[in-house]
Amino acid sequence: MAKKSKGTSKGSKGNQWADHLTQRAKAENYPARSVYKLEEIQKKFKVILPATNVLDLGCAPGSWLLYAAKQVGSKGRVFGIDLKLIDIKLPDNVTAIQDNILALENAVFLEISTGFTTVLSDMAPATTGRKDVDAFKSFELCNMALETAQNFLKPGGNFVCKIFQGNEFKKFEKEVKSVFRECKTFKPESCRKQSKEIYIIAKGKK
């Protein structure tokens, strides 16, 4: 309660913005406001192409799946994986499974595993409140996402990955640059202002 009572007008505006996006997501039938982060990324960087296959890591609750499905169209396909169950109705061109990407034996996934043009990761660790610990846990998830991108992306493919800014950020950015021809950082306007998250946008897998 003490923290709330100290809120500034700037913070209040931030909360209003968050509420606005949450309400907009509900009105547009998305399960979470995170969809607008991907929308901003797509509009600026065009990471998802029509009639291609997309892999969404940590896809729950499903907003990125729905948005990516619209971008690839009926001739494309979106595949999602998460440790949590995806319990929303998905379009015909979307498949989502509850599984661990590092210990995967799912036949449907393996059938198309070499044909992804884009790998998306909005994964985040369960936060502890300690920024250094949370940033390191985020770094570990990002390494997992990058390994997946290396294994499953087509040459020339694109990679989007959320990471918490911390001591390991530059190290991860360097690793991404070694795999892709182009690498940029981007913080969508729809991110909460106090959030330490930022996105690595990488294009053109070598």
Protein backbone atom coordinates (compact mmCIF):
# COMPACT_ATOMS: atom_id res chain seq x y z
CA MET A 1 0.00 0.00 0.00
CA ALA A 2 2.86 2.35 0.79
CA LYS A 3 4.20 2.07 -2.73
CA LYS A 4 0.84 2.99 -4.22
CA SER A 5 0.50 6.07 -2.03
CA LYS A 6 3.83 7.35 -3.34
CA GLY A 7 2.75 7.09 -6.97
CA THR A 8 3.43 10.14 -9.14
CA SER A 9 1.20 11.51 -11.85
CA LYS A 10 3.59 9.99 -14.38
CA GLY A 11 3.05 6.59 -12.81
CA SER A 12 -0.69 7.11 -12.89
CA LYS A 13 -0.52 7.84 -16.60
CA GLY A 14 1.47 4.66 -17.05
CA ASN A 15 -1.27 2.70 -15.30
CA GLN A 16 -3.93 4.34 -17.45
CA TRP A 17 -1.96 3.37 -20.56
CA ALA A 18 -1.71 -0.22 -19.32
CA ASP A 19 -5.45 -0.29 -18.62
CA HIS A 20 -6.16 1.12 -22.06
CA LEU A 21 -4.16 -1.64 -23.76
CA THR A 22 -5.69 -4.33 -21.57
CA GLN A 23 -9.16 -3.11 -22.49
CA ARG A 24 -8.23 -2.87 -26.16
CA ALA A 25 -6.87 -6.43 -26.15
CA LYS A 26 -10.11 -7.69 -24.62
CA ALA A 27 -12.17 -5.79 -27.19
CA GLU A 28 -10.09 -7.23 -30.03
CA ASN A 29 -10.30 -10.79 -28.62
CA TYR A 30 -6.68 -11.15 -27.59
CA PRO A 31 -5.99 -12.83 -24.23
CA ALA A 32 -3.23 -10.39 -23.25
CA ARG A 33 -1.97 -6.87 -23.98
CA SER A 34 1.42 -8.30 -25.04
CA VAL A 35 0.04 -8.60 -28.57
CA TYR A 36 0.71 -4.90 -29.11
CA LYS A 37 4.43 -5.39 -28.50
CA LEU A 38 4.58 -7.85 -31.38
CA GLU A 39 2.40 -5.56 -33.48
CA GLU A 40 4.89 -2.71 -33.01
CA ILE A 41 7.82 -5.01 -33.78
CA GLN A 42 6.14 -6.31 -36.93
CA LYS A 43 5.23 -2.85 -38.22
CA LYS A 44 8.80 -1.60 -37.74
CA PHE A 45 10.87 -4.65 -38.71
CA LYS A 46 8.60 -6.95 -40.81
CA VAL A 47 9.89 -10.09 -39.08
CA ILE A 48 6.87 -12.22 -40.04
CA LEU A 49 6.28 -12.82 -43.75
CA PRO A 50 3.13 -14.01 -45.56
CA ALA A 51 2.83 -17.74 -46.32
CA THR A 52 5.67 -18.77 -44.00
CA ASN A 53 6.02 -20.92 -40.88
CA VAL A 54 6.48 -19.27 -37.47
CA LEU A 55 7.52 -20.78 -34.14
CA ASP A 56 6.37 -19.04 -30.96
CA LEU A 57 8.31 -20.07 -27.85
CA GLY A 58 6.55 -19.55 -24.54
CA CYS A 59 3.34 -18.87 -26.42
CA ALA A 60 0.87 -18.76 -23.49
CA PRO A 61 -1.68 -17.26 -23.20
CA GLY A 62 -1.78 -17.08 -27.01
CA SER A 63 -1.90 -13.45 -28.13
CA TRP A 64 1.26 -13.75 -30.23
CA LEU A 65 -0.09 -16.93 -31.84
CA LEU A 66 -3.24 -15.13 -32.96
CA TYR A 67 -1.38 -12.09 -34.29
CA ALA A 68 1.24 -14.19 -36.11
CA ALA A 69 -1.54 -16.27 -37.68
CA LYS A 70 -3.01 -13.15 -39.25
CA GLN A 71 0.39 -12.10 -40.57
CA VAL A 72 1.23 -15.41 -42.27
CA GLY A 73 -2.27 -15.83 -43.66
CA SER A 74 -4.03 -19.02 -44.70
CA LYS A 75 -1.00 -20.26 -46.63
CA GLY A 76 1.29 -19.94 -43.59
CA ARG A 77 1.44 -21.84 -40.35
CA VAL A 78 2.15 -20.93 -36.73
CA PHE A 79 3.38 -23.39 -34.17
CA GLY A 80 3.47 -22.59 -30.44
CA ILE A 81 4.97 -24.35 -27.45
CA ASP A 82 4.69 -23.58 -23.76
CA LEU A 83 4.92 -25.37 -20.43
CA LYS A 84 1.44 -23.96 -19.76
CA LEU A 85 -1.72 -25.15 -21.47
CA ILE A 86 -3.09 -22.93 -24.25
CA ASP A 87 -6.83 -22.95 -23.65
CA ILE A 88 -8.08 -20.41 -26.21
CA LYS A 89 -9.68 -21.21 -29.56
CA LEU A 90 -6.98 -21.11 -32.24
CA PRO A 91 -7.28 -20.53 -36.00
CA ASP A 92 -6.90 -23.49 -38.36
CA ASN A 93 -3.35 -22.49 -39.27
CA VAL A 94 -2.14 -22.57 -35.64
CA THR A 95 -0.95 -25.56 -33.62
CA ALA A 96 0.00 -25.20 -29.96
CA ILE A 97 1.31 -27.87 -27.63
CA GLN A 98 2.12 -28.05 -23.94
CA ASP A 99 5.68 -29.30 -23.83
CA ASN A 100 9.34 -28.48 -23.22
CA ILE A 101 11.20 -27.35 -26.33
CA LEU A 102 14.45 -28.86 -25.02
CA ALA A 103 12.97 -32.33 -24.52
CA LEU A 104 10.59 -32.49 -27.44
CA GLU A 105 9.44 -35.64 -29.18
CA ASN A 106 6.21 -34.29 -30.65
CA ALA A 107 5.74 -35.67 -34.16
CA VAL A 108 3.71 -32.72 -35.47
CA PHE A 109 6.45 -30.32 -34.47
CA LEU A 110 9.26 -32.46 -35.85
CA GLU A 111 7.52 -32.68 -39.24
CA ILE A 112 7.93 -28.93 -39.81
CA SER A 113 10.87 -28.25 -37.52
CA THR A 114 13.30 -27.38 -40.32
CA GLY A 115 10.94 -25.03 -42.09
CA PHE A 116 10.58 -22.00 -39.83
CA THR A 117 11.16 -18.54 -41.25
CA THR A 118 10.64 -16.78 -37.91
CA VAL A 119 11.22 -17.77 -34.29
CA LEU A 120 9.56 -15.61 -31.63
CA SER A 121 10.30 -15.67 -27.91
CA ASP A 122 8.40 -13.58 -25.39
CA MET A 123 9.52 -15.88 -22.57
CA ALA A 124 10.17 -14.39 -19.15
CA PRO A 125 11.17 -16.01 -15.86
CA ALA A 126 9.08 -15.94 -12.72
CA THR A 127 10.43 -12.77 -11.14
CA THR A 128 11.99 -12.73 -7.68
CA GLY A 129 12.17 -8.98 -7.13
CA ARG A 130 15.97 -9.06 -7.39
CA LYS A 131 16.89 -7.44 -10.67
CA ASP A 132 20.24 -9.22 -11.01
CA VAL A 133 18.70 -12.64 -10.40
CA ASP A 134 15.78 -11.97 -12.73
CA ALA A 135 18.09 -10.68 -15.47
CA PHE A 136 20.26 -13.80 -15.24
CA LYS A 137 17.22 -16.09 -15.40
CA SER A 138 16.03 -14.15 -18.45
CA PHE A 139 19.47 -14.58 -20.02
CA GLU A 140 19.22 -18.36 -19.56
CA LEU A 141 15.82 -18.44 -21.29
CA CYS A 142 17.19 -16.31 -24.11
CA ASN A 143 20.06 -18.71 -24.64
CA MET A 144 17.52 -21.52 -24.92
CA ALA A 145 15.55 -19.49 -27.47
CA LEU A 146 18.68 -18.72 -29.48
CA GLU A 147 19.68 -22.38 -29.49
CA THR A 148 16.22 -23.24 -30.79
CA ALA A 149 16.51 -20.60 -33.50
CA GLN A 150 19.87 -21.98 -34.56
CA ASN A 151 18.43 -25.48 -34.79
CA PHE A 152 15.10 -24.77 -36.47
CA LEU A 153 15.33 -21.54 -38.49
CA LYS A 154 15.85 -21.59 -42.23
CA PRO A 155 18.89 -19.72 -43.56
CA GLY A 156 17.89 -16.07 -43.82
CA GLY A 157 15.29 -16.49 -41.07
CA ASN A 158 14.34 -13.97 -38.39
CA PHE A 159 14.45 -14.07 -34.59
CA VAL A 160 12.67 -11.94 -31.97
CA CYS A 161 13.63 -12.40 -28.33
CA LYS A 162 12.70 -10.61 -25.12
CA ILE A 163 15.45 -10.16 -22.56
CA PHE A 164 15.68 -8.35 -19.23
CA GLN A 165 18.48 -5.78 -19.28
CA GLY A 166 21.30 -6.78 -16.96
CA ASN A 167 24.97 -7.70 -16.83
CA GLU A 168 24.51 -10.49 -19.41
CA PHE A 169 22.70 -8.38 -22.00
CA LYS A 170 25.76 -7.40 -24.07
CA LYS A 171 27.00 -10.98 -24.01
CA PHE A 172 23.71 -12.25 -25.41
CA GLU A 173 23.56 -9.49 -28.01
CA LYS A 174 27.05 -10.48 -29.19
CA GLU A 175 25.99 -14.13 -29.47
CA VAL A 176 22.96 -13.16 -31.58
CA LYS A 177 25.12 -11.01 -33.85
CA SER A 178 27.35 -14.01 -34.50
CA VAL A 179 24.36 -15.96 -35.86
CA PHE A 180 22.45 -13.25 -37.78
CA ARG A 181 23.45 -10.68 -40.37
CA GLU A 182 21.40 -7.91 -38.73
CA CYS A 183 20.70 -7.33 -35.03
CA LYS A 184 18.91 -4.41 -33.36
CA THR A 185 17.39 -3.66 -29.97
CA PHE A 186 13.89 -2.26 -29.58
CA LYS A 187 11.61 -1.36 -26.70
CA PRO A 188 7.98 -1.14 -27.84
CA GLU A 189 5.90 1.76 -26.60
CA SER A 190 3.44 -0.77 -25.21
CA CYS A 191 6.00 -2.09 -22.70
CA ARG A 192 5.32 -0.91 -19.18
CA LYS A 193 7.59 2.05 -18.47
CA GLN A 194 9.12 0.52 -15.35
CA SER A 195 9.90 -2.75 -17.12
CA LYS A 196 13.52 -3.74 -17.77
CA GLU A 197 12.52 -5.82 -20.78
CA ILE A 198 13.83 -5.08 -24.23
CA TYR A 199 13.65 -7.00 -27.49
CA ILE A 200 16.45 -8.28 -29.68
CA ILE A 201 15.38 -8.16 -33.31
CA ALA A 202 17.62 -10.30 -35.51
CA LYS A 203 17.20 -10.85 -39.24
CA GLY A 204 19.00 -12.96 -41.81
CA LYS A 205 20.24 -16.14 -40.15
CA LYS A 206 23.69 -16.88 -41.53
